[in-house]
Amino acid sequence: MTQPLDIAIAGCGPCGLATALLLYRDGHRVTLFERFDTPRPIGSGLMIQPTGRAVLRELGLEEALIAGGARIERLFGLNDRGRKVLDVRYDALDAGAFGIGIHRASLFDLLHRAVANEKIAIEGARTIAGRDGGALLFADGSRAGPFDLIVDALGSRSTLAPQTGRELAYGALWASLDWTEGFDAHALEQRYRAASRMVGVLPIGGNHAAFFWSLRADRLDAWRVAGLDVWKDEVRALWPATAPLLDQVADPDQLTFARYAHRTLRRPVEPGLIHLGDAWHSTSPQLGQGVNMALLDAWALAFALRERESLADALALAASLRREHVGLYQLMSRLFTPVYQSDSTMLPLLRDVVVAPLAKTWPAPKVMAAMVAGIVGSPLRRLGLA
């Protein structure tokens, strides 16, 4: 597209910030809108897979990403009887493959600094209530626009998208803690009791770890009432090595509860509007794809706008480039999530007794590594990133 567009991007998370950078550098006029006075991240640790790294590489940010995070070479998990039930190694793909564990705040700072350096406009304290054609409507009754294009990067509870999908029964408590000895500095480690209990430790760089505990959303109040000591005893019983991490948790407010949902919009594109990231598709974090899928969406939009002269054609192309990969990972997430987060007794039994041994047999190690890396369906090739 040779004609610059006036573009509004709703949301200053990684998806919105990356989209702003890509479109601004392509010559478009971009304004970001954020509900907080000053944009800030929400959450703890996350994984940047080879797919997300490819987009950040194009943005010139991969080296800073690697410096600010922790190199992850393996995902490893044991059940409560000490049986190995998860062992995914990136080097099953090739010797140079790896993921990056990073604090969400570090990723946000990386992208936000790049946006600030480009002097891309950000309007804070702008809670978006909806839109009127090409104009954004705000909760205080004001409006902005019209814009040629509105990019919805508001996440799974976007006010610009119809509500669809379903909330998942299980979420997780997250905390960012100081790193302690006794864990693999290059692995996401987990321990399980059936599928109803899971504790994990993810290195996130800067001598810190993301710590998480699986919990049903409807048991959150009971967890608070029971108190930290009861919970710590349960975690230590499942994984004694977590004791030094648990000692750092003195207040329930140190833990943030994350809720998850499975949702996919049937129509991610409307006239003058495109939904990206969790605003289009959200799922549980079992496959570690969330922010990576959002970064690929951002790249697909920029790529399509370069390839097509008509805005409508460009939006259709962007959605087409991503639809197959999105659908594939949504399906895999629906299949795998109950194996690790559910009240089922049969699924974790099959996981531990049948699937875990089979996972060691060729070609399973490479297939599982490809799933975790986000490359099933060859998304990078379709987007010219391979």
Protein backbone atom coordinates (compact mmCIF):
# COMPACT_ATOMS: atom_id res chain seq x y z
CA MET A 1 0.00 0.00 0.00
CA THR A 2 1.62 3.21 -1.15
CA GLN A 3 -0.89 5.58 0.48
CA PRO A 4 -0.18 6.16 4.21
CA LEU A 5 -3.10 5.39 6.49
CA ASP A 6 -4.32 7.02 9.70
CA ILE A 7 -4.30 4.09 12.12
CA ALA A 8 -5.58 3.81 15.69
CA ILE A 9 -4.22 0.95 17.77
CA ALA A 10 -6.33 0.07 20.81
CA GLY A 11 -4.15 -1.42 23.53
CA CYS A 12 -0.52 -1.00 24.60
CA GLY A 13 0.37 -4.60 25.31
CA PRO A 14 3.06 -6.42 23.32
CA CYS A 15 0.68 -6.90 20.40
CA GLY A 16 -0.30 -3.24 20.18
CA LEU A 17 3.24 -1.96 20.64
CA ALA A 18 4.72 -4.32 18.03
CA THR A 19 1.96 -3.45 15.57
CA ALA A 20 2.60 0.26 16.12
CA LEU A 21 6.31 -0.15 15.43
CA LEU A 22 5.78 -2.16 12.26
CA LEU A 23 3.13 0.12 10.79
CA TYR A 24 4.87 3.36 11.76
CA ARG A 25 8.10 2.20 10.16
CA ASP A 26 6.14 1.45 6.99
CA GLY A 27 5.12 5.10 6.81
CA HIS A 28 1.64 5.04 8.33
CA ARG A 29 0.37 7.61 10.85
CA VAL A 30 -0.14 5.69 14.09
CA THR A 31 -1.72 6.55 17.44
CA LEU A 32 -1.84 4.15 20.38
CA PHE A 33 -4.68 4.34 22.92
CA GLU A 34 -4.29 2.95 26.43
CA ARG A 35 -6.68 2.86 29.40
CA PHE A 36 -3.96 3.50 32.02
CA ASP A 37 -2.54 6.99 32.53
CA THR A 38 0.87 5.56 31.72
CA PRO A 39 1.12 2.30 29.77
CA ARG A 40 2.26 -0.60 31.95
CA PRO A 41 2.42 -4.39 31.76
CA ILE A 42 0.17 -6.84 33.57
CA GLY A 43 1.36 -10.32 34.52
CA SER A 44 4.50 -12.27 35.31
CA GLY A 45 6.60 -14.57 33.16
CA LEU A 46 6.06 -15.74 29.60
CA MET A 47 7.85 -17.63 26.86
CA ILE A 48 9.04 -16.13 23.58
CA GLN A 49 9.21 -18.96 21.09
CA PRO A 50 11.20 -19.05 17.82
CA THR A 51 8.11 -17.61 16.08
CA GLY A 52 8.00 -14.55 18.33
CA ARG A 53 11.76 -14.18 18.14
CA ALA A 54 11.49 -13.99 14.34
CA VAL A 55 9.21 -10.94 14.55
CA LEU A 56 11.34 -9.26 17.21
CA ARG A 57 14.39 -9.92 15.03
CA GLU A 58 12.74 -7.98 12.19
CA LEU A 59 12.10 -5.16 14.65
CA GLY A 60 15.78 -5.12 15.63
CA LEU A 61 14.95 -6.18 19.19
CA GLU A 62 16.00 -9.83 19.37
CA GLU A 63 19.44 -9.19 20.87
CA ALA A 64 17.95 -7.06 23.64
CA LEU A 65 15.29 -9.74 24.20
CA ILE A 66 17.95 -12.43 24.68
CA ALA A 67 19.99 -10.17 26.97
CA GLY A 68 16.95 -9.38 29.12
CA GLY A 69 15.59 -12.91 29.42
CA ALA A 70 16.72 -16.46 30.07
CA ARG A 71 17.56 -19.00 27.39
CA ILE A 72 15.15 -21.94 27.66
CA GLU A 73 16.33 -25.21 26.15
CA ARG A 74 13.90 -27.67 27.68
CA LEU A 75 10.43 -28.16 29.18
CA PHE A 76 10.53 -30.81 31.90
CA GLY A 77 7.88 -32.23 34.21
CA LEU A 78 7.50 -35.01 36.80
CA ASN A 79 4.36 -36.34 38.42
CA ASP A 80 3.98 -36.77 42.18
CA ARG A 81 5.51 -40.26 41.98
CA GLY A 82 8.65 -38.97 40.31
CA ARG A 83 7.75 -40.32 36.86
CA LYS A 84 8.91 -38.19 33.93
CA VAL A 85 5.79 -37.12 32.02
CA LEU A 86 7.13 -34.17 30.03
CA ASP A 87 10.52 -33.71 28.41
CA VAL A 88 10.56 -31.45 25.37
CA ARG A 89 13.95 -30.31 24.07
CA TYR A 90 14.30 -27.56 21.51
CA ASP A 91 17.45 -29.16 20.11
CA ALA A 92 15.23 -31.92 18.69
CA LEU A 93 14.56 -29.31 15.96
CA ASP A 94 18.16 -28.17 15.53
CA ALA A 95 21.14 -27.42 17.68
CA GLY A 96 20.48 -23.67 17.71
CA ALA A 97 16.80 -23.73 18.66
CA PHE A 98 15.67 -22.25 21.98
CA GLY A 99 13.00 -20.19 23.62
CA ILE A 100 13.32 -17.18 25.91
CA GLY A 101 11.77 -16.94 29.35
CA ILE A 102 11.17 -13.30 30.20
CA HIS A 103 9.20 -11.15 32.60
CA ARG A 104 6.25 -9.53 30.89
CA ALA A 105 7.48 -6.18 32.20
CA SER A 106 10.86 -6.67 30.50
CA LEU A 107 9.22 -7.44 27.16
CA PHE A 108 6.92 -4.46 27.59
CA ASP A 109 9.85 -2.14 28.39
CA LEU A 110 11.73 -3.39 25.34
CA LEU A 111 8.84 -2.61 22.99
CA HIS A 112 7.74 0.55 24.78
CA ARG A 113 11.24 2.07 24.60
CA ALA A 114 11.31 1.37 20.86
CA VAL A 115 7.92 3.06 20.45
CA ALA A 116 9.09 6.05 22.50
CA ASN A 117 12.28 6.32 20.45
CA GLU A 118 10.19 6.51 17.30
CA LYS A 119 8.04 9.19 18.98
CA ILE A 120 4.85 7.28 18.17
CA ALA A 121 1.88 9.01 19.78
CA ILE A 122 0.35 7.35 22.86
CA GLU A 123 -2.84 8.67 24.47
CA GLY A 124 -3.23 7.40 28.04
CA ALA A 125 -6.27 7.34 30.34
CA ARG A 126 -8.45 6.48 27.35
CA THR A 127 -10.80 3.63 28.25
CA ILE A 128 -12.32 2.41 25.00
CA ALA A 129 -16.05 1.73 25.11
CA GLY A 130 -16.64 0.94 21.44
CA ARG A 131 -16.48 2.46 17.99
CA ASP A 132 -18.66 4.38 15.58
CA GLY A 133 -17.44 3.49 12.11
CA GLY A 134 -13.85 4.72 11.96
CA ALA A 135 -14.05 6.62 15.27
CA LEU A 136 -13.14 5.28 18.71
CA LEU A 137 -15.61 5.95 21.53
CA PHE A 138 -14.37 6.33 25.10
CA ALA A 139 -15.97 5.68 28.48
CA ASP A 140 -15.98 9.39 29.34
CA GLY A 141 -18.15 10.17 26.30
CA SER A 142 -15.34 11.56 24.13
CA ARG A 143 -14.25 10.20 20.78
CA ALA A 144 -11.23 10.15 18.49
CA GLY A 145 -11.02 9.83 14.75
CA PRO A 146 -12.15 9.03 12.20
CA PHE A 147 -9.32 6.66 11.29
CA ASP A 148 -8.74 4.68 8.14
CA LEU A 149 -8.05 1.60 10.24
CA ILE A 150 -8.64 0.58 13.85
CA VAL A 151 -6.47 -2.25 15.20
CA ASP A 152 -8.00 -4.04 18.18
CA ALA A 153 -5.23 -5.25 20.48
CA LEU A 154 -7.27 -5.00 23.67
CA GLY A 155 -7.06 -8.69 24.57
CA SER A 156 -9.66 -11.34 25.29
CA ARG A 157 -12.09 -8.94 26.96
CA SER A 158 -11.97 -6.37 24.18
CA THR A 159 -14.81 -3.86 24.05
CA LEU A 160 -14.38 -3.73 20.28
CA ALA A 161 -15.16 -7.41 19.76
CA PRO A 162 -18.28 -9.50 20.35
CA GLN A 163 -18.04 -11.70 23.42
CA THR A 164 -17.65 -15.33 22.51
CA GLY A 165 -15.99 -18.51 23.69
CA ARG A 166 -15.86 -19.79 27.25
CA GLU A 167 -13.92 -19.17 30.42
CA LEU A 168 -11.78 -22.13 31.47
CA ALA A 169 -12.34 -23.68 34.88
CA TYR A 170 -8.66 -23.49 35.79
CA GLY A 171 -6.42 -20.46 36.00
CA ALA A 172 -3.14 -19.95 37.81
CA LEU A 173 -1.54 -17.95 40.60
CA TRP A 174 1.64 -16.20 39.42
CA ALA A 175 4.48 -14.48 41.22
CA SER A 176 7.86 -13.08 40.21
CA LEU A 177 10.48 -14.14 42.75
CA ASP A 178 14.24 -14.11 43.22
CA TRP A 179 15.99 -17.06 41.64
CA THR A 180 17.22 -19.75 44.02
CA GLU A 181 19.45 -22.79 43.55
CA GLY A 182 17.96 -26.19 42.93
CA PHE A 183 16.34 -25.50 39.56
CA ASP A 184 17.52 -25.75 35.97
CA ALA A 185 18.42 -22.24 34.79
CA HIS A 186 17.60 -23.21 31.19
CA ALA A 187 14.34 -25.11 31.65
CA LEU A 188 10.69 -24.57 32.40
CA GLU A 189 10.16 -27.14 35.16
CA GLN A 190 6.82 -28.41 36.40
CA ARG A 191 5.42 -30.91 38.89
CA TYR A 192 1.94 -32.47 38.69
CA ARG A 193 -0.52 -34.34 40.83
CA ALA A 194 -3.04 -35.74 38.35
CA ALA A 195 -4.27 -32.73 36.34
CA SER A 196 -5.72 -30.75 39.23
CA ARG A 197 -2.42 -29.69 40.80
CA MET A 198 0.50 -28.16 38.96
CA VAL A 199 3.41 -26.02 40.11
CA GLY A 200 5.98 -24.53 37.78
CA VAL A 201 9.19 -22.50 37.78
CA LEU A 202 10.32 -20.52 34.75
CA PRO A 203 13.64 -18.62 34.60
CA ILE A 204 12.92 -15.10 33.32
CA GLY A 205 16.34 -13.41 33.41
CA GLY A 206 17.79 -10.86 35.79
CA ASN A 207 18.23 -13.57 38.44
CA HIS A 208 14.46 -13.94 38.74
CA ALA A 209 11.93 -16.74 38.33
CA ALA A 210 8.26 -16.82 37.45
CA PHE A 211 6.47 -19.14 39.87
CA PHE A 212 2.97 -20.46 39.14
CA TRP A 213 0.37 -22.70 40.76
CA SER A 214 -2.66 -24.10 38.96
CA LEU A 215 -5.99 -23.33 40.67
CA ARG A 216 -9.66 -23.56 39.80
CA ALA A 217 -11.17 -20.10 39.52
CA ASP A 218 -14.11 -21.07 41.73
CA ARG A 219 -11.69 -22.07 44.51
CA LEU A 220 -9.83 -18.77 44.63
CA ASP A 221 -11.87 -17.41 47.55
CA ALA A 222 -11.38 -20.64 49.50
CA TRP A 223 -7.65 -20.41 48.84
CA ARG A 224 -7.60 -16.91 50.33
CA VAL A 225 -9.60 -17.98 53.37
CA ALA A 226 -7.36 -20.99 54.05
CA GLY A 227 -4.26 -18.78 54.18
CA LEU A 228 -0.74 -18.94 52.84
CA ASP A 229 0.58 -21.55 55.30
CA VAL A 230 -1.94 -24.18 54.21
CA TRP A 231 -1.15 -23.50 50.56
CA LYS A 232 2.62 -23.55 51.10
CA ASP A 233 2.37 -26.93 52.81
CA GLU A 234 0.53 -28.31 49.78
CA VAL A 235 3.09 -26.92 47.32
CA ARG A 236 6.05 -28.20 49.36
CA ALA A 237 4.47 -31.64 49.58
CA LEU A 238 4.33 -31.80 45.79
CA TRP A 239 7.76 -30.21 45.16
CA PRO A 240 9.99 -29.79 48.26
CA ALA A 241 12.62 -27.83 46.30
CA THR A 242 10.21 -24.87 46.04
CA ALA A 243 10.59 -24.10 49.76
CA PRO A 244 13.11 -21.23 49.24
CA LEU A 245 10.78 -19.66 46.68
CA LEU A 246 7.76 -20.01 48.95
CA ASP A 247 9.70 -18.36 51.77
CA GLN A 248 9.69 -15.17 49.68
CA VAL A 249 5.88 -15.07 49.60
CA ALA A 250 4.72 -13.24 52.72
CA ASP A 251 1.49 -11.72 51.45
CA PRO A 252 -1.27 -13.10 49.18
CA ASP A 253 -1.06 -9.86 47.20
CA GLN A 254 2.32 -11.00 45.87
CA LEU A 255 0.40 -13.53 43.80
CA THR A 256 -1.73 -12.56 40.81
CA PHE A 257 -4.50 -14.84 39.65
CA ALA A 258 -4.71 -15.23 35.87
CA ARG A 259 -7.94 -16.42 34.27
CA TYR A 260 -7.91 -18.15 30.90
CA ALA A 261 -10.46 -18.53 28.12
CA HIS A 262 -10.84 -20.37 24.85
CA ARG A 263 -12.29 -18.02 22.26
CA THR A 264 -11.93 -17.40 18.54
CA LEU A 265 -13.79 -14.76 16.57
CA ARG A 266 -15.39 -16.15 13.45
CA ARG A 267 -14.74 -12.84 11.69
CA PRO A 268 -11.48 -11.17 12.77
CA VAL A 269 -11.94 -8.48 10.10
CA GLU A 270 -14.70 -5.89 9.70
CA PRO A 271 -14.72 -2.80 7.48
CA GLY A 272 -11.91 -0.58 8.79
CA LEU A 273 -11.21 -2.88 11.77
CA ILE A 274 -9.02 -5.89 12.50
CA HIS A 275 -8.73 -7.86 15.73
CA LEU A 276 -5.27 -9.16 16.62
CA GLY A 277 -3.82 -11.38 19.35
CA ASP A 278 -6.16 -12.35 22.18
CA ALA A 279 -8.82 -10.00 20.82
CA TRP A 280 -9.11 -12.48 17.92
CA HIS A 281 -8.04 -15.76 19.52
CA SER A 282 -7.20 -16.66 23.10
CA THR A 283 -6.51 -19.95 24.81
CA SER A 284 -4.83 -21.49 27.84
CA PRO A 285 -1.06 -21.03 28.19
CA GLN A 286 -0.28 -24.76 28.08
CA LEU A 287 1.54 -24.53 24.75
CA GLY A 288 3.18 -21.19 25.58
CA GLN A 289 2.01 -19.45 22.41
CA GLY A 290 -0.04 -16.40 23.46
CA VAL A 291 2.25 -13.44 22.86
CA ASN A 292 3.98 -15.26 19.99
CA MET A 293 0.70 -15.64 18.12
CA ALA A 294 0.02 -11.95 18.68
CA LEU A 295 3.42 -10.96 17.29
CA LEU A 296 2.77 -13.08 14.19
CA ASP A 297 -0.61 -11.36 13.79
CA ALA A 298 1.10 -7.97 13.93
CA TRP A 299 3.62 -9.01 11.28
CA ALA A 300 0.86 -10.47 9.07
CA LEU A 301 -0.99 -7.14 9.11
CA ALA A 302 2.12 -5.15 8.21
CA PHE A 303 3.02 -7.67 5.51
CA ALA A 304 -0.49 -7.56 4.00
CA LEU A 305 -0.60 -3.76 3.94
CA ARG A 306 2.62 -3.79 1.94
CA GLU A 307 1.27 -6.38 -0.49
CA ARG A 308 -2.17 -4.91 -1.27
CA GLU A 309 -3.30 -1.47 -2.42
CA SER A 310 -6.87 -1.86 -1.15
CA LEU A 311 -7.35 -1.76 2.63
CA ALA A 312 -10.15 -4.32 2.42
CA ASP A 313 -7.93 -6.66 0.41
CA ALA A 314 -5.03 -6.17 2.82
CA LEU A 315 -7.16 -6.99 5.87
CA ALA A 316 -8.53 -10.08 4.16
CA LEU A 317 -5.01 -11.19 3.30
CA ALA A 318 -3.77 -10.64 6.87
CA ALA A 319 -6.57 -12.80 8.26
CA SER A 320 -6.00 -15.45 5.60
CA LEU A 321 -2.29 -15.65 6.34
CA ARG A 322 -2.97 -16.39 10.00
CA ARG A 323 -6.24 -18.34 10.03
CA GLU A 324 -4.81 -21.83 9.48
CA HIS A 325 -2.07 -21.48 12.10
CA VAL A 326 -4.45 -19.94 14.61
CA GLY A 327 -7.00 -22.72 14.09
CA LEU A 328 -4.36 -25.41 14.41
CA TYR A 329 -3.04 -24.15 17.75
CA GLN A 330 -6.52 -23.46 19.09
CA LEU A 331 -7.35 -27.11 18.38
CA MET A 332 -4.13 -28.40 19.96
CA SER A 333 -4.69 -26.26 23.03
CA ARG A 334 -8.21 -27.62 23.46
CA LEU A 335 -6.82 -31.15 23.28
CA PHE A 336 -3.84 -30.66 25.61
CA THR A 337 -5.21 -28.30 28.27
CA PRO A 338 -7.40 -30.93 30.05
CA VAL A 339 -4.37 -33.22 30.24
CA TYR A 340 -2.61 -30.72 32.53
CA GLN A 341 -5.43 -28.59 33.95
CA SER A 342 -8.69 -30.35 34.70
CA ASP A 343 -10.50 -32.51 37.24
CA SER A 344 -10.10 -35.59 35.05
CA THR A 345 -8.50 -38.69 36.53
CA MET A 346 -8.34 -40.71 33.30
CA LEU A 347 -6.51 -38.13 31.13
CA PRO A 348 -3.51 -37.67 33.46
CA LEU A 349 -3.33 -41.44 33.91
CA LEU A 350 -3.10 -41.90 30.14
CA ARG A 351 -0.57 -39.03 30.05
CA ASP A 352 1.67 -40.67 32.64
CA VAL A 353 1.37 -44.34 31.69
CA VAL A 354 0.87 -44.32 27.91
CA VAL A 355 1.76 -40.99 26.32
CA ALA A 356 4.95 -40.23 28.28
CA PRO A 357 6.75 -43.42 27.14
CA LEU A 358 5.56 -42.98 23.55
CA ALA A 359 6.87 -39.40 23.58
CA LYS A 360 10.41 -40.77 23.67
CA THR A 361 9.95 -42.65 20.39
CA TRP A 362 10.82 -41.11 17.02
CA PRO A 363 9.41 -38.85 15.61
CA ALA A 364 7.61 -37.73 18.77
CA PRO A 365 10.50 -35.65 20.25
CA LYS A 366 10.75 -33.52 17.10
CA VAL A 367 6.97 -33.20 16.75
CA MET A 368 6.60 -32.08 20.37
CA ALA A 369 9.45 -29.59 20.03
CA ALA A 370 7.81 -28.17 16.89
CA MET A 371 4.51 -27.80 18.75
CA VAL A 372 6.13 -25.90 21.62
CA ALA A 373 8.23 -23.79 19.24
CA GLY A 374 5.04 -22.70 17.47
CA ILE A 375 6.19 -23.82 14.02
CA VAL A 376 3.61 -26.53 13.26
CA GLY A 377 1.87 -25.36 10.09
CA SER A 378 4.96 -23.46 8.85
CA PRO A 379 3.74 -19.99 9.90
CA LEU A 380 7.12 -18.32 9.31
CA ARG A 381 7.31 -19.47 5.70
CA ARG A 382 3.81 -18.16 4.97
CA LEU A 383 4.78 -14.77 6.36
CA GLY A 384 8.17 -14.53 4.66
CA LEU A 385 9.99 -14.87 7.99
CA ALA A 386 11.62 -18.27 7.43
